[in-house]
């Protein structure tokens, strides 16, 4: 993952934010180790330098429909925005 992220990549999601490669990698690692059990891909749409991925983020207790928007410049991801309804996480 590190090889496709811009040094100043900016992540904003429902559960937090990160700036730079190290923070982004740490956040992704934490999510995969403590929250996500699987990911079910439904669609990926690319329009120029932007890509949106629609998937289910599967946890132990919920399946969360999720949208992820990424922006690419010079072959590297510079911005990531992720959104989903977090209420099922607090209900479990």
N, C-alpha and C. Protein backbone atom coordinates (compact mmCIF):
# COMPACT_ATOMS: atom_id res chain seq x y z
N UNK A 1 0.82 -1.19 0.00
CA UNK A 1 0.00 0.00 0.00
C UNK A 1 0.86 1.26 0.00
N UNK A 2 1.95 1.21 0.72
CA UNK A 2 2.84 2.36 0.84
C UNK A 2 3.28 2.89 -0.52
N UNK A 3 3.48 2.00 -1.48
CA UNK A 3 4.01 2.39 -2.79
C UNK A 3 3.00 3.18 -3.64
N UNK A 4 1.72 3.18 -3.28
CA UNK A 4 0.71 3.89 -4.07
C UNK A 4 0.20 5.15 -3.38
N UNK A 5 0.72 5.46 -2.19
CA UNK A 5 0.29 6.64 -1.45
C UNK A 5 1.28 7.79 -1.64
N UNK A 6 0.75 9.00 -1.85
CA UNK A 6 1.58 10.20 -1.90
C UNK A 6 2.12 10.48 -0.50
N UNK A 7 3.30 11.08 -0.40
CA UNK A 7 3.86 11.38 0.93
C UNK A 7 2.92 12.20 1.81
N UNK A 8 2.14 13.09 1.21
CA UNK A 8 1.23 13.93 1.98
C UNK A 8 -0.22 13.50 1.86
N UNK A 9 -0.45 12.21 1.64
CA UNK A 9 -1.81 11.68 1.51
C UNK A 9 -2.66 12.13 2.70
N UNK A 10 -3.91 12.42 2.41
CA UNK A 10 -4.84 12.95 3.40
C UNK A 10 -6.05 12.02 3.45
N UNK A 11 -6.33 11.45 4.63
CA UNK A 11 -7.45 10.53 4.82
C UNK A 11 -8.45 11.14 5.78
N UNK A 12 -9.73 11.08 5.40
CA UNK A 12 -10.81 11.50 6.30
C UNK A 12 -11.88 10.43 6.22
N UNK A 13 -12.24 9.88 7.38
CA UNK A 13 -13.27 8.86 7.43
C UNK A 13 -14.17 9.05 8.62
N UNK A 14 -15.15 8.20 8.72
CA UNK A 14 -16.13 8.27 9.80
C UNK A 14 -15.47 8.13 11.17
N UNK A 15 -14.44 7.29 11.23
CA UNK A 15 -13.85 6.98 12.53
C UNK A 15 -12.51 7.67 12.78
N UNK A 16 -12.09 8.56 11.88
CA UNK A 16 -10.85 9.26 12.14
C UNK A 16 -10.24 9.89 10.91
N UNK A 17 -9.12 10.55 11.13
CA UNK A 17 -8.39 11.20 10.06
C UNK A 17 -6.92 10.80 10.15
N UNK A 18 -6.21 10.96 9.04
CA UNK A 18 -4.77 10.69 9.02
C UNK A 18 -4.13 11.57 7.96
N UNK A 19 -2.90 11.99 8.24
CA UNK A 19 -2.12 12.79 7.28
C UNK A 19 -0.77 12.12 7.12
N UNK A 20 -0.41 11.89 5.87
CA UNK A 20 0.88 11.28 5.57
C UNK A 20 0.79 9.77 5.52
N UNK A 21 1.80 9.19 4.88
CA UNK A 21 1.82 7.74 4.66
C UNK A 21 1.79 6.96 5.97
N UNK A 22 2.65 7.33 6.92
CA UNK A 22 2.75 6.55 8.15
C UNK A 22 1.44 6.52 8.92
N UNK A 23 0.76 7.67 9.05
CA UNK A 23 -0.52 7.71 9.75
C UNK A 23 -1.58 6.90 9.01
N UNK A 24 -1.59 7.02 7.68
CA UNK A 24 -2.58 6.26 6.89
C UNK A 24 -2.37 4.76 7.04
N UNK A 25 -1.14 4.31 6.92
CA UNK A 25 -0.84 2.88 7.06
C UNK A 25 -1.21 2.41 8.46
N UNK A 26 -0.87 3.18 9.48
CA UNK A 26 -1.21 2.80 10.86
C UNK A 26 -2.71 2.70 11.04
N UNK A 27 -3.47 3.64 10.47
CA UNK A 27 -4.92 3.59 10.57
C UNK A 27 -5.51 2.39 9.86
N UNK A 28 -5.02 2.10 8.67
CA UNK A 28 -5.50 0.93 7.93
C UNK A 28 -5.16 -0.37 8.67
N UNK A 29 -3.96 -0.43 9.21
CA UNK A 29 -3.55 -1.62 9.96
C UNK A 29 -4.44 -1.80 11.19
N UNK A 30 -4.69 -0.73 11.91
CA UNK A 30 -5.54 -0.81 13.09
C UNK A 30 -6.95 -1.27 12.75
N UNK A 31 -7.49 -0.73 11.65
CA UNK A 31 -8.84 -1.13 11.24
C UNK A 31 -8.86 -2.60 10.86
N UNK A 32 -7.87 -3.05 10.11
CA UNK A 32 -7.88 -4.44 9.66
C UNK A 32 -7.65 -5.41 10.81
N UNK A 33 -6.89 -4.99 11.82
CA UNK A 33 -6.62 -5.89 12.95
C UNK A 33 -7.72 -5.90 14.00
N UNK A 34 -8.46 -4.78 14.14
CA UNK A 34 -9.41 -4.68 15.24
C UNK A 34 -10.88 -4.57 14.84
N UNK A 35 -11.15 -4.27 13.59
CA UNK A 35 -12.54 -4.04 13.19
C UNK A 35 -12.95 -4.91 12.01
N UNK A 36 -12.23 -4.83 10.93
CA UNK A 36 -12.63 -5.47 9.68
C UNK A 36 -12.28 -6.95 9.67
N UNK A 37 -13.26 -7.75 9.32
CA UNK A 37 -13.03 -9.19 9.17
C UNK A 37 -13.03 -9.61 7.70
N UNK A 38 -13.67 -8.79 6.85
CA UNK A 38 -13.72 -9.09 5.42
C UNK A 38 -14.15 -7.83 4.69
N UNK A 39 -14.01 -7.86 3.39
CA UNK A 39 -14.45 -6.77 2.53
C UNK A 39 -15.08 -7.42 1.30
N UNK A 40 -16.32 -7.04 1.01
CA UNK A 40 -17.03 -7.58 -0.14
C UNK A 40 -17.19 -6.46 -1.16
N UNK A 41 -16.43 -6.55 -2.24
CA UNK A 41 -16.43 -5.52 -3.27
C UNK A 41 -17.66 -5.65 -4.16
N UNK A 42 -18.34 -4.51 -4.39
CA UNK A 42 -19.51 -4.50 -5.26
C UNK A 42 -19.25 -3.75 -6.56
N UNK A 43 -18.55 -2.62 -6.48
CA UNK A 43 -18.32 -1.84 -7.70
C UNK A 43 -17.15 -0.90 -7.50
N UNK A 44 -16.47 -0.62 -8.61
CA UNK A 44 -15.43 0.41 -8.62
C UNK A 44 -15.65 1.23 -9.88
N UNK A 45 -15.75 2.54 -9.70
CA UNK A 45 -16.00 3.44 -10.81
C UNK A 45 -14.85 4.44 -10.86
N UNK A 46 -14.26 4.58 -12.05
CA UNK A 46 -13.14 5.49 -12.23
C UNK A 46 -13.55 6.58 -13.21
N UNK A 47 -13.26 7.82 -12.83
CA UNK A 47 -13.53 8.97 -13.69
C UNK A 47 -12.29 9.86 -13.65
N UNK A 48 -11.43 9.71 -14.63
CA UNK A 48 -10.19 10.48 -14.65
C UNK A 48 -9.32 10.13 -13.47
N UNK A 49 -9.02 11.12 -12.63
CA UNK A 49 -8.14 10.94 -11.49
C UNK A 49 -8.87 10.51 -10.22
N UNK A 50 -10.17 10.25 -10.33
CA UNK A 50 -10.97 9.89 -9.17
C UNK A 50 -11.54 8.48 -9.31
N UNK A 51 -11.56 7.77 -8.18
CA UNK A 51 -12.14 6.43 -8.16
C UNK A 51 -13.04 6.31 -6.93
N UNK A 52 -14.20 5.71 -7.12
CA UNK A 52 -15.09 5.42 -6.00
C UNK A 52 -15.29 3.91 -5.96
N UNK A 53 -15.10 3.36 -4.78
CA UNK A 53 -15.29 1.93 -4.56
C UNK A 53 -16.46 1.75 -3.60
N UNK A 54 -17.40 0.89 -3.97
CA UNK A 54 -18.56 0.58 -3.14
C UNK A 54 -18.36 -0.84 -2.63
N UNK A 55 -18.36 -1.02 -1.31
CA UNK A 55 -18.13 -2.35 -0.76
C UNK A 55 -18.82 -2.49 0.59
N UNK A 56 -18.92 -3.72 1.06
CA UNK A 56 -19.39 -3.98 2.42
C UNK A 56 -18.17 -4.21 3.29
N UNK A 57 -18.04 -3.43 4.34
CA UNK A 57 -17.01 -3.61 5.34
C UNK A 57 -17.61 -4.55 6.38
N UNK A 58 -17.09 -5.75 6.47
CA UNK A 58 -17.67 -6.77 7.33
C UNK A 58 -16.89 -6.83 8.65
N UNK A 59 -17.63 -6.67 9.75
CA UNK A 59 -17.05 -6.79 11.09
C UNK A 59 -17.59 -8.08 11.72
N UNK A 60 -17.24 -8.32 12.96
CA UNK A 60 -17.77 -9.50 13.65
C UNK A 60 -19.28 -9.45 13.79
N UNK A 61 -19.84 -8.21 13.91
CA UNK A 61 -21.25 -8.08 14.23
C UNK A 61 -22.09 -7.35 13.19
N UNK A 62 -21.48 -6.87 12.11
CA UNK A 62 -22.24 -6.07 11.15
C UNK A 62 -21.58 -6.12 9.78
N UNK A 63 -22.37 -5.81 8.78
CA UNK A 63 -21.88 -5.62 7.43
C UNK A 63 -22.26 -4.19 7.04
N UNK A 64 -21.26 -3.34 6.84
CA UNK A 64 -21.48 -1.91 6.67
C UNK A 64 -21.28 -1.51 5.21
N UNK A 65 -22.35 -1.14 4.50
CA UNK A 65 -22.19 -0.61 3.14
C UNK A 65 -21.31 0.65 3.21
N UNK A 66 -20.27 0.67 2.38
CA UNK A 66 -19.23 1.70 2.48
C UNK A 66 -18.87 2.26 1.12
N UNK A 67 -18.66 3.57 1.07
CA UNK A 67 -18.15 4.22 -0.13
C UNK A 67 -16.77 4.80 0.17
N UNK A 68 -15.83 4.56 -0.72
CA UNK A 68 -14.46 5.05 -0.59
C UNK A 68 -14.13 5.83 -1.85
N UNK A 69 -13.80 7.11 -1.70
CA UNK A 69 -13.37 7.94 -2.83
C UNK A 69 -11.88 8.20 -2.69
N UNK A 70 -11.15 7.96 -3.77
CA UNK A 70 -9.72 8.24 -3.80
C UNK A 70 -9.41 9.15 -4.97
N UNK A 71 -8.49 10.08 -4.76
CA UNK A 71 -8.03 10.98 -5.82
C UNK A 71 -6.55 10.69 -6.07
N UNK A 72 -6.18 10.59 -7.34
CA UNK A 72 -4.82 10.23 -7.74
C UNK A 72 -4.18 11.38 -8.51
N UNK A 73 -2.95 11.70 -8.15
CA UNK A 73 -2.15 12.68 -8.88
C UNK A 73 -0.77 12.09 -9.11
N UNK A 74 -0.29 12.20 -10.34
CA UNK A 74 1.04 11.67 -10.70
C UNK A 74 1.21 10.22 -10.28
N UNK A 75 0.13 9.43 -10.39
CA UNK A 75 0.18 8.00 -10.10
C UNK A 75 0.11 7.63 -8.63
N UNK A 76 -0.09 8.61 -7.74
CA UNK A 76 -0.16 8.33 -6.31
C UNK A 76 -1.46 8.84 -5.72
N UNK A 77 -1.99 8.12 -4.75
CA UNK A 77 -3.22 8.52 -4.07
C UNK A 77 -2.90 9.69 -3.15
N UNK A 78 -3.60 10.82 -3.37
CA UNK A 78 -3.37 12.01 -2.56
C UNK A 78 -4.47 12.27 -1.53
N UNK A 79 -5.70 11.83 -1.84
CA UNK A 79 -6.83 12.04 -0.92
C UNK A 79 -7.68 10.77 -0.88
N UNK A 80 -8.14 10.45 0.32
CA UNK A 80 -9.05 9.32 0.53
C UNK A 80 -10.16 9.80 1.45
N UNK A 81 -11.39 9.54 1.04
CA UNK A 81 -12.55 9.84 1.87
C UNK A 81 -13.39 8.58 1.96
N UNK A 82 -13.77 8.20 3.17
CA UNK A 82 -14.55 6.99 3.37
C UNK A 82 -15.78 7.32 4.20
N UNK A 83 -16.92 6.80 3.77
CA UNK A 83 -18.13 7.05 4.55
C UNK A 83 -18.98 5.78 4.64
N UNK A 84 -19.57 5.63 5.81
CA UNK A 84 -20.54 4.56 6.08
C UNK A 84 -21.33 4.96 7.32
N UNK A 85 -22.41 4.26 7.56
CA UNK A 85 -23.24 4.52 8.74
C UNK A 85 -22.63 3.74 9.91
N UNK A 86 -22.05 4.41 10.91
CA UNK A 86 -21.39 3.70 12.00
C UNK A 86 -22.32 3.20 13.10
N UNK A 87 -23.61 3.52 13.01
CA UNK A 87 -24.51 3.14 14.11
C UNK A 87 -24.51 1.65 14.42
N UNK A 88 -24.42 0.74 13.45
CA UNK A 88 -24.39 -0.68 13.82
C UNK A 88 -23.19 -1.05 14.71
N UNK A 89 -22.11 -0.30 14.64
CA UNK A 89 -20.95 -0.59 15.48
C UNK A 89 -21.24 -0.31 16.95
N UNK A 90 -22.00 0.73 17.22
CA UNK A 90 -22.33 1.07 18.61
C UNK A 90 -23.48 0.23 19.15
N UNK A 91 -24.23 -0.38 18.27
CA UNK A 91 -25.37 -1.22 18.69
C UNK A 91 -24.94 -2.62 19.03
N UNK A 92 -23.73 -3.01 18.62
CA UNK A 92 -23.31 -4.40 18.86
C UNK A 92 -22.46 -4.53 20.11
